[in-house]
N, C-alpha and C. Protein backbone atom coordinates (compact mmCIF):
# COMPACT_ATOMS: atom_id res chain seq x y z
N MET A 1 -192.29 -3.02 75.78
CA MET A 1 -191.10 -3.09 76.62
C MET A 1 -190.15 -4.13 76.04
N ASP A 2 -188.94 -3.72 75.79
CA ASP A 2 -187.93 -4.60 75.22
C ASP A 2 -186.92 -4.94 76.31
N SER A 3 -186.96 -6.16 76.79
CA SER A 3 -186.00 -6.57 77.82
C SER A 3 -185.22 -7.77 77.31
N ALA A 4 -183.98 -7.79 77.69
CA ALA A 4 -183.10 -8.89 77.27
C ALA A 4 -182.58 -9.61 78.51
N LEU A 5 -182.41 -10.88 78.38
CA LEU A 5 -181.83 -11.69 79.45
C LEU A 5 -180.32 -11.49 79.41
N THR A 6 -179.77 -11.09 80.53
CA THR A 6 -178.32 -10.90 80.58
C THR A 6 -177.73 -11.91 81.56
N ALA A 7 -176.62 -12.44 81.17
CA ALA A 7 -175.90 -13.38 82.04
C ALA A 7 -174.71 -12.65 82.63
N GLY A 8 -174.37 -13.01 83.83
CA GLY A 8 -173.22 -12.39 84.47
C GLY A 8 -171.93 -12.88 83.82
N LYS A 9 -170.88 -12.15 84.13
CA LYS A 9 -169.55 -12.51 83.62
C LYS A 9 -168.82 -13.30 84.71
N LEU A 10 -168.35 -14.49 84.35
CA LEU A 10 -167.61 -15.31 85.30
C LEU A 10 -166.25 -14.68 85.56
N ILE A 11 -166.01 -14.34 86.80
CA ILE A 11 -164.75 -13.70 87.20
C ILE A 11 -163.75 -14.74 87.68
N ASP A 12 -164.24 -15.70 88.48
CA ASP A 12 -163.35 -16.70 89.06
C ASP A 12 -164.14 -17.96 89.38
N MET A 13 -163.50 -19.10 89.26
CA MET A 13 -164.13 -20.36 89.62
C MET A 13 -163.09 -21.21 90.35
N LYS A 14 -163.46 -21.67 91.54
CA LYS A 14 -162.58 -22.52 92.31
C LYS A 14 -163.36 -23.77 92.68
N TRP A 15 -162.65 -24.87 92.79
CA TRP A 15 -163.30 -26.11 93.20
C TRP A 15 -162.35 -26.88 94.08
N LYS A 16 -162.94 -27.68 94.95
CA LYS A 16 -162.11 -28.53 95.80
C LYS A 16 -162.83 -29.85 96.03
N LEU A 17 -162.06 -30.86 96.16
CA LEU A 17 -162.57 -32.20 96.42
C LEU A 17 -162.50 -32.44 97.91
N GLY A 18 -163.58 -32.96 98.47
CA GLY A 18 -163.62 -33.21 99.90
C GLY A 18 -164.42 -34.45 100.20
N VAL A 19 -164.62 -34.71 101.46
CA VAL A 19 -165.43 -35.83 101.91
C VAL A 19 -166.46 -35.30 102.89
N ALA A 20 -167.72 -35.53 102.56
CA ALA A 20 -168.79 -35.16 103.48
C ALA A 20 -168.87 -36.25 104.54
N VAL A 21 -168.68 -35.89 105.79
CA VAL A 21 -168.65 -36.90 106.84
C VAL A 21 -170.01 -37.09 107.51
N SER A 22 -170.87 -36.07 107.47
CA SER A 22 -172.21 -36.22 108.03
C SER A 22 -173.13 -35.14 107.49
N SER A 23 -174.41 -35.34 107.66
CA SER A 23 -175.41 -34.35 107.28
C SER A 23 -176.54 -34.40 108.29
N ASP A 24 -177.54 -33.56 108.10
CA ASP A 24 -178.69 -33.56 109.02
C ASP A 24 -179.42 -34.90 109.00
N GLU A 25 -179.44 -35.53 107.82
CA GLU A 25 -180.19 -36.77 107.67
C GLU A 25 -179.36 -38.03 107.86
N CYS A 26 -178.05 -37.91 107.76
CA CYS A 26 -177.20 -39.10 107.82
C CYS A 26 -176.02 -38.82 108.74
N LYS A 27 -175.88 -39.58 109.80
CA LYS A 27 -174.81 -39.36 110.78
C LYS A 27 -173.44 -39.78 110.27
N SER A 28 -173.39 -40.80 109.41
CA SER A 28 -172.12 -41.30 108.91
C SER A 28 -172.16 -41.38 107.39
N LEU A 29 -171.87 -40.27 106.75
CA LEU A 29 -171.99 -40.17 105.30
C LEU A 29 -170.73 -40.69 104.60
N ASN A 30 -169.58 -40.12 104.90
CA ASN A 30 -168.28 -40.50 104.35
C ASN A 30 -168.30 -40.69 102.84
N SER A 31 -168.84 -39.71 102.12
CA SER A 31 -168.85 -39.80 100.65
C SER A 31 -168.12 -38.60 100.06
N PRO A 32 -167.37 -38.81 98.96
CA PRO A 32 -166.64 -37.71 98.34
C PRO A 32 -167.61 -36.72 97.70
N CYS A 33 -167.18 -35.45 97.68
CA CYS A 33 -168.00 -34.42 97.07
C CYS A 33 -167.08 -33.34 96.49
N VAL A 34 -167.62 -32.55 95.59
CA VAL A 34 -166.90 -31.43 95.00
C VAL A 34 -167.62 -30.16 95.41
N THR A 35 -166.88 -29.20 95.95
CA THR A 35 -167.44 -27.89 96.29
C THR A 35 -166.92 -26.89 95.28
N MET A 36 -167.83 -26.17 94.62
CA MET A 36 -167.45 -25.15 93.64
C MET A 36 -167.86 -23.79 94.16
N THR A 37 -167.00 -22.80 93.95
CA THR A 37 -167.30 -21.42 94.30
C THR A 37 -167.09 -20.58 93.05
N LEU A 38 -168.15 -19.87 92.65
CA LEU A 38 -168.11 -19.03 91.46
C LEU A 38 -168.22 -17.57 91.87
N LYS A 39 -167.39 -16.71 91.28
CA LYS A 39 -167.54 -15.27 91.44
C LYS A 39 -168.05 -14.74 90.11
N VAL A 40 -169.18 -14.04 90.17
CA VAL A 40 -169.84 -13.55 88.96
C VAL A 40 -170.09 -12.05 89.09
N ALA A 41 -169.80 -11.31 88.02
CA ALA A 41 -170.08 -9.88 87.98
C ALA A 41 -171.34 -9.66 87.16
N ASP A 42 -172.28 -8.87 87.70
CA ASP A 42 -173.48 -8.56 86.94
C ASP A 42 -173.20 -7.40 85.99
N SER A 43 -174.21 -6.94 85.25
CA SER A 43 -174.00 -5.91 84.23
C SER A 43 -173.53 -4.58 84.82
N SER A 44 -173.79 -4.34 86.11
CA SER A 44 -173.33 -3.11 86.74
C SER A 44 -171.93 -3.25 87.33
N GLY A 45 -171.38 -4.47 87.29
CA GLY A 45 -170.05 -4.72 87.83
C GLY A 45 -170.05 -5.25 89.25
N LYS A 46 -171.23 -5.37 89.85
CA LYS A 46 -171.31 -5.90 91.22
C LYS A 46 -170.96 -7.37 91.21
N ILE A 47 -170.04 -7.78 92.07
CA ILE A 47 -169.57 -9.17 92.13
C ILE A 47 -170.29 -9.92 93.24
N SER A 48 -170.81 -11.08 92.90
CA SER A 48 -171.43 -11.94 93.90
C SER A 48 -170.76 -13.31 93.86
N THR A 49 -170.80 -13.99 94.98
CA THR A 49 -170.19 -15.31 95.11
C THR A 49 -171.29 -16.35 95.30
N HIS A 50 -171.17 -17.45 94.56
CA HIS A 50 -172.14 -18.53 94.63
C HIS A 50 -171.38 -19.83 94.89
N SER A 51 -171.82 -20.58 95.88
CA SER A 51 -171.19 -21.86 96.21
C SER A 51 -172.18 -22.98 96.03
N MET A 52 -171.67 -24.13 95.59
CA MET A 52 -172.52 -25.31 95.46
C MET A 52 -171.69 -26.55 95.77
N GLU A 53 -172.36 -27.55 96.30
CA GLU A 53 -171.71 -28.81 96.62
C GLU A 53 -172.39 -29.91 95.81
N MET A 54 -171.58 -30.75 95.17
CA MET A 54 -172.11 -31.82 94.31
C MET A 54 -171.44 -33.14 94.64
N THR A 55 -172.18 -34.21 94.39
CA THR A 55 -171.55 -35.53 94.46
C THR A 55 -170.61 -35.65 93.26
N ILE A 56 -169.77 -36.67 93.27
CA ILE A 56 -168.85 -36.87 92.15
C ILE A 56 -169.63 -37.06 90.85
N SER A 57 -170.70 -37.86 90.87
CA SER A 57 -171.47 -38.09 89.64
C SER A 57 -172.16 -36.80 89.18
N GLN A 58 -172.65 -35.98 90.10
CA GLN A 58 -173.25 -34.70 89.72
C GLN A 58 -172.20 -33.79 89.08
N PHE A 59 -170.98 -33.78 89.65
CA PHE A 59 -169.91 -32.97 89.09
C PHE A 59 -169.52 -33.46 87.69
N GLN A 60 -169.45 -34.77 87.51
CA GLN A 60 -169.11 -35.31 86.19
C GLN A 60 -170.19 -34.91 85.17
N ASN A 61 -171.46 -34.97 85.55
CA ASN A 61 -172.54 -34.56 84.67
C ASN A 61 -172.45 -33.07 84.36
N PHE A 62 -172.17 -32.25 85.37
CA PHE A 62 -172.01 -30.81 85.19
C PHE A 62 -170.87 -30.52 84.22
N SER A 63 -169.75 -31.21 84.40
CA SER A 63 -168.59 -31.03 83.52
C SER A 63 -168.93 -31.39 82.08
N LYS A 64 -169.64 -32.49 81.90
CA LYS A 64 -170.05 -32.93 80.56
C LYS A 64 -170.94 -31.87 79.90
N GLN A 65 -171.89 -31.34 80.65
CA GLN A 65 -172.79 -30.32 80.11
C GLN A 65 -172.03 -29.05 79.74
N MET A 66 -171.06 -28.66 80.56
CA MET A 66 -170.26 -27.46 80.25
C MET A 66 -169.45 -27.67 78.97
N LYS A 67 -168.89 -28.87 78.78
CA LYS A 67 -168.13 -29.16 77.56
C LYS A 67 -169.04 -29.11 76.34
N GLU A 68 -170.27 -29.66 76.47
CA GLU A 68 -171.23 -29.63 75.36
C GLU A 68 -171.60 -28.19 75.00
N MET A 69 -171.81 -27.35 76.01
CA MET A 69 -172.13 -25.95 75.75
C MET A 69 -170.97 -25.23 75.07
N ALA A 70 -169.76 -25.51 75.53
CA ALA A 70 -168.58 -24.87 74.92
C ALA A 70 -168.45 -25.28 73.46
N ASN A 71 -168.68 -26.55 73.16
CA ASN A 71 -168.61 -27.02 71.77
C ASN A 71 -169.66 -26.33 70.91
N LYS A 72 -170.87 -26.18 71.41
CA LYS A 72 -171.93 -25.51 70.66
C LYS A 72 -171.63 -24.05 70.45
N MET A 73 -171.03 -23.40 71.43
CA MET A 73 -170.69 -21.99 71.30
C MET A 73 -169.60 -21.78 70.26
N GLU A 74 -168.70 -22.75 70.12
CA GLU A 74 -167.63 -22.63 69.12
C GLU A 74 -168.20 -22.74 67.70
N MET A 75 -169.33 -23.44 67.56
CA MET A 75 -169.94 -23.61 66.24
C MET A 75 -170.59 -22.33 65.75
N VAL A 76 -170.98 -21.45 66.67
CA VAL A 76 -171.70 -20.24 66.30
C VAL A 76 -170.80 -19.22 65.69
């Protein structure tokens, strides 16, 4: 059986900066966060939406990793 890993095609990416004011574990959070929403099409064309929320430091790390991947892809 020959199977290949396929990645979806990024259709749209939106992000917004906000402030988390509370959570289940913390009544008074008041910390900045980034919410990202990705629209991805699979190989059949079906579009799904994925949302994630990150702290500022998590977003900075994510951004750094994406830049590193883009640089490596340009080398190929």
